[in-house]
Amino acid sequence: MAAQTVTKEDVVSFIESMSVLELSQLVKELESKFGVTAAAPVGVALAAAGGAAAADAAAEEKTEFTVFLEETGADKIKVIKEVRAATGLGLKEAKELVEGAPKPVKQGVSKKDAEQLKVKLEEVGAKVSLK
């Protein structure tokens, strides 16, 4: 009787059909049988790719920002007005947001819009950060 050849594609196909629990058990069994851990190769791969990842991160600029109100400042009423104008919140909601600082004012905005809002809020005395 001829031995049946199993290809990588066959193994991948078999693994794809497994449940997460079955796959977890398989990984543990393989780790035990061969005396290895799945975490080690990942760590080595990350360390090797670390230089490339750092270069990619520097090349890829963040596109979405969150305007974060750190402190209200002395003139809370002016800050509330700016928050209302920027977010479209009602008076009560804007007041709660400002009084609850530190809190995000606006999320997922472009760098230009985030910087403009930061300047407006700082002009009325608030302390603001972009994240």
C-alpha atoms as a PDB file:
ATOM      1  CA  MET A   1       0.000   0.000   0.000  1.00  0.00           C
ATOM      2  CA  ALA A   2       1.408   3.413  -1.018  1.00  0.00           C
ATOM      3  CA  ALA A   3       1.783   6.128   1.600  1.00  0.00           C
ATOM      4  CA  GLN A   4      -0.527   9.085   1.116  1.00  0.00           C
ATOM      5  CA  THR A   5       1.250  12.452   0.737  1.00  0.00           C
ATOM      6  CA  VAL A   6      -0.163  15.325   2.796  1.00  0.00           C
ATOM      7  CA  THR A   7       0.566  18.796   1.441  1.00  0.00           C
ATOM      8  CA  LYS A   8       0.739  22.078   3.336  1.00  0.00           C
ATOM      9  CA  GLU A   9      -2.532  23.056   1.695  1.00  0.00           C
ATOM     10  CA  ASP A  10      -4.172  19.928   3.139  1.00  0.00           C
ATOM     11  CA  VAL A  11      -2.930  20.844   6.629  1.00  0.00           C
ATOM     12  CA  VAL A  12      -4.107  24.457   6.286  1.00  0.00           C
ATOM     13  CA  SER A  13      -7.481  23.299   5.015  1.00  0.00           C
ATOM     14  CA  PHE A  14      -7.811  20.921   7.954  1.00  0.00           C
ATOM     15  CA  ILE A  15      -6.882  23.653  10.470  1.00  0.00           C
ATOM     16  CA  GLU A  16      -9.380  26.072   8.901  1.00  0.00           C
ATOM     17  CA  SER A  17     -12.170  23.595   9.585  1.00  0.00           C
ATOM     18  CA  MET A  18     -11.286  23.339  13.295  1.00  0.00           C
ATOM     19  CA  SER A  19     -13.009  25.249  16.069  1.00  0.00           C
ATOM     20  CA  VAL A  20     -10.973  27.690  18.140  1.00  0.00           C
ATOM     21  CA  LEU A  21     -11.011  25.316  21.096  1.00  0.00           C
ATOM     22  CA  GLU A  22      -9.779  22.410  18.965  1.00  0.00           C
ATOM     23  CA  LEU A  23      -7.048  24.587  17.494  1.00  0.00           C
ATOM     24  CA  SER A  24      -5.965  25.729  20.948  1.00  0.00           C
ATOM     25  CA  GLN A  25      -5.733  22.123  22.099  1.00  0.00           C
ATOM     26  CA  LEU A  26      -3.752  21.187  18.979  1.00  0.00           C
ATOM     27  CA  VAL A  27      -1.275  24.005  19.605  1.00  0.00           C
ATOM     28  CA  LYS A  28      -0.801  22.918  23.231  1.00  0.00           C
ATOM     29  CA  GLU A  29      -0.290  19.320  22.155  1.00  0.00           C
ATOM     30  CA  LEU A  30       2.288  20.315  19.523  1.00  0.00           C
ATOM     31  CA  GLU A  31       4.099  22.519  22.025  1.00  0.00           C
ATOM     32  CA  SER A  32       4.230  19.654  24.491  1.00  0.00           C
ATOM     33  CA  LYS A  33       5.289  17.042  21.929  1.00  0.00           C
ATOM     34  CA  PHE A  34       8.091  19.100  20.378  1.00  0.00           C
ATOM     35  CA  GLY A  35       9.141  21.053  23.488  1.00  0.00           C
ATOM     36  CA  VAL A  36       8.530  24.473  21.966  1.00  0.00           C
ATOM     37  CA  THR A  37       6.229  27.405  22.548  1.00  0.00           C
ATOM     38  CA  ALA A  38       4.310  29.326  19.921  1.00  0.00           C
ATOM     39  CA  ALA A  39       5.259  32.631  21.541  1.00  0.00           C
ATOM     40  CA  ALA A  40       9.016  32.294  20.909  1.00  0.00           C
ATOM     41  CA  PRO A  41       8.904  32.436  17.097  1.00  0.00           C
ATOM     42  CA  VAL A  42       6.560  35.406  17.241  1.00  0.00           C
ATOM     43  CA  GLY A  43       8.926  37.265  19.566  1.00  0.00           C
ATOM     44  CA  VAL A  44      11.905  36.508  17.352  1.00  0.00           C
ATOM     45  CA  ALA A  45       9.971  37.597  14.268  1.00  0.00           C
ATOM     46  CA  LEU A  46       8.931  40.831  15.973  1.00  0.00           C
ATOM     47  CA  ALA A  47      12.483  41.538  17.080  1.00  0.00           C
ATOM     48  CA  ALA A  48      13.790  40.935  13.571  1.00  0.00           C
ATOM     49  CA  ALA A  49      11.068  43.092  12.055  1.00  0.00           C
ATOM     50  CA  GLY A  50      11.461  45.780  14.731  1.00  0.00           C
ATOM     51  CA  GLY A  51      13.764  47.955  12.643  1.00  0.00           C
ATOM     52  CA  ALA A  52      11.486  47.729   9.623  1.00  0.00           C
ATOM     53  CA  ALA A  53       8.389  48.367  11.718  1.00  0.00           C
ATOM     54  CA  ALA A  54       9.943  51.479  13.238  1.00  0.00           C
ATOM     55  CA  ALA A  55      10.787  52.782   9.784  1.00  0.00           C
ATOM     56  CA  ASP A  56       7.242  52.054   8.594  1.00  0.00           C
ATOM     57  CA  ALA A  57       5.746  53.805  11.615  1.00  0.00           C
ATOM     58  CA  ALA A  58       7.838  56.885  10.976  1.00  0.00           C
ATOM     59  CA  ALA A  59       6.841  56.924   7.325  1.00  0.00           C
ATOM     60  CA  GLU A  60       3.160  56.407   8.074  1.00  0.00           C
ATOM     61  CA  GLU A  61       1.709  59.479   9.768  1.00  0.00           C
ATOM     62  CA  LYS A  62      -1.329  59.262  11.995  1.00  0.00           C
ATOM     63  CA  THR A  63      -4.435  60.470  10.138  1.00  0.00           C
ATOM     64  CA  GLU A  64      -7.145  60.492  12.812  1.00  0.00           C
ATOM     65  CA  PHE A  65      -6.902  62.343  16.094  1.00  0.00           C
ATOM     66  CA  THR A  66      -8.890  62.789  19.283  1.00  0.00           C
ATOM     67  CA  VAL A  67      -9.127  66.260  20.793  1.00  0.00           C
ATOM     68  CA  PHE A  68      -8.874  65.668  24.531  1.00  0.00           C
ATOM     69  CA  LEU A  69      -9.940  68.331  27.056  1.00  0.00           C
ATOM     70  CA  GLU A  70      -7.482  68.032  29.945  1.00  0.00           C
ATOM     71  CA  GLU A  71      -8.590  71.017  32.052  1.00  0.00           C
ATOM     72  CA  THR A  72     -11.330  73.594  31.718  1.00  0.00           C
ATOM     73  CA  GLY A  73      -9.385  76.661  32.789  1.00  0.00           C
ATOM     74  CA  ALA A  74     -10.733  79.808  34.442  1.00  0.00           C
ATOM     75  CA  ASP A  75     -13.502  80.670  31.959  1.00  0.00           C
ATOM     76  CA  LYS A  76     -15.666  77.550  31.847  1.00  0.00           C
ATOM     77  CA  ILE A  77     -18.554  79.304  30.040  1.00  0.00           C
ATOM     78  CA  LYS A  78     -16.396  80.194  27.026  1.00  0.00           C
ATOM     79  CA  VAL A  79     -15.058  76.631  26.906  1.00  0.00           C
ATOM     80  CA  ILE A  80     -18.623  75.273  26.942  1.00  0.00           C
ATOM     81  CA  LYS A  81     -19.520  77.598  24.043  1.00  0.00           C
ATOM     82  CA  GLU A  82     -16.546  76.383  21.986  1.00  0.00           C
ATOM     83  CA  VAL A  83     -17.342  72.744  22.756  1.00  0.00           C
ATOM     84  CA  ARG A  84     -20.967  73.297  21.653  1.00  0.00           C
ATOM     85  CA  ALA A  85     -19.861  74.982  18.438  1.00  0.00           C
ATOM     86  CA  ALA A  86     -17.380  72.212  17.627  1.00  0.00           C
ATOM     87  CA  THR A  87     -19.536  69.208  18.519  1.00  0.00           C
ATOM     88  CA  GLY A  88     -23.138  70.290  18.028  1.00  0.00           C
ATOM     89  CA  LEU A  89     -23.979  69.175  21.565  1.00  0.00           C
ATOM     90  CA  GLY A  90     -26.746  70.806  23.532  1.00  0.00           C
ATOM     91  CA  LEU A  91     -25.994  73.098  26.454  1.00  0.00           C
ATOM     92  CA  LYS A  92     -26.516  70.396  29.087  1.00  0.00           C
ATOM     93  CA  GLU A  93     -24.362  67.812  27.286  1.00  0.00           C
ATOM     94  CA  ALA A  94     -21.558  70.300  26.559  1.00  0.00           C
ATOM     95  CA  LYS A  95     -21.596  71.479  30.194  1.00  0.00           C
ATOM     96  CA  GLU A  96     -21.373  67.871  31.443  1.00  0.00           C
ATOM     97  CA  LEU A  97     -18.503  67.155  29.065  1.00  0.00           C
ATOM     98  CA  VAL A  98     -16.563  70.249  30.151  1.00  0.00           C
ATOM     99  CA  GLU A  99     -17.198  69.691  33.854  1.00  0.00           C
ATOM    100  CA  GLY A 100     -16.179  66.037  33.488  1.00  0.00           C
ATOM    101  CA  ALA A 101     -12.709  66.899  32.137  1.00  0.00           C
ATOM    102  CA  PRO A 102     -10.428  65.179  31.372  1.00  0.00           C
ATOM    103  CA  LYS A 103     -12.576  63.847  28.513  1.00  0.00           C
ATOM    104  CA  PRO A 104     -12.406  63.528  24.732  1.00  0.00           C
ATOM    105  CA  VAL A 105     -14.211  66.376  22.968  1.00  0.00           C
ATOM    106  CA  LYS A 106     -14.076  65.109  19.401  1.00  0.00           C
ATOM    107  CA  GLN A 107     -12.766  61.818  18.015  1.00  0.00           C
ATOM    108  CA  GLY A 108     -11.618  60.643  14.593  1.00  0.00           C
ATOM    109  CA  VAL A 109     -10.920  64.111  13.200  1.00  0.00           C
ATOM    110  CA  SER A 110      -8.209  65.125  10.732  1.00  0.00           C
ATOM    111  CA  LYS A 111      -4.987  66.645  11.978  1.00  0.00           C
ATOM    112  CA  LYS A 112      -5.943  70.057  10.583  1.00  0.00           C
ATOM    113  CA  ASP A 113      -9.397  70.065  12.242  1.00  0.00           C
ATOM    114  CA  ALA A 114      -7.966  68.752  15.520  1.00  0.00           C
ATOM    115  CA  GLU A 115      -5.317  71.481  15.621  1.00  0.00           C
ATOM    116  CA  GLN A 116      -7.900  74.182  14.812  1.00  0.00           C
ATOM    117  CA  LEU A 117     -10.175  73.012  17.631  1.00  0.00           C
ATOM    118  CA  LYS A 118      -7.219  72.810  20.000  1.00  0.00           C
ATOM    119  CA  VAL A 119      -6.278  76.424  19.224  1.00  0.00           C
ATOM    120  CA  LYS A 120      -9.883  77.621  19.731  1.00  0.00           C
ATOM    121  CA  LEU A 121     -10.187  75.862  23.080  1.00  0.00           C
ATOM    122  CA  GLU A 122      -6.769  77.078  24.256  1.00  0.00           C
ATOM    123  CA  GLU A 123      -7.698  80.660  23.303  1.00  0.00           C
ATOM    124  CA  VAL A 124     -10.535  80.527  25.856  1.00  0.00           C
ATOM    125  CA  GLY A 125      -8.256  79.089  28.550  1.00  0.00           C
ATOM    126  CA  ALA A 126      -8.692  75.325  28.307  1.00  0.00           C
ATOM    127  CA  LYS A 127      -5.795  72.865  28.389  1.00  0.00           C
ATOM    128  CA  VAL A 128      -6.105  70.500  25.424  1.00  0.00           C
ATOM    129  CA  SER A 129      -4.099  67.598  24.008  1.00  0.00           C
ATOM    130  CA  LEU A 130      -4.279  65.655  20.764  1.00  0.00           C
ATOM    131  CA  LYS A 131      -4.089  61.889  20.878  1.00  0.00           C
END
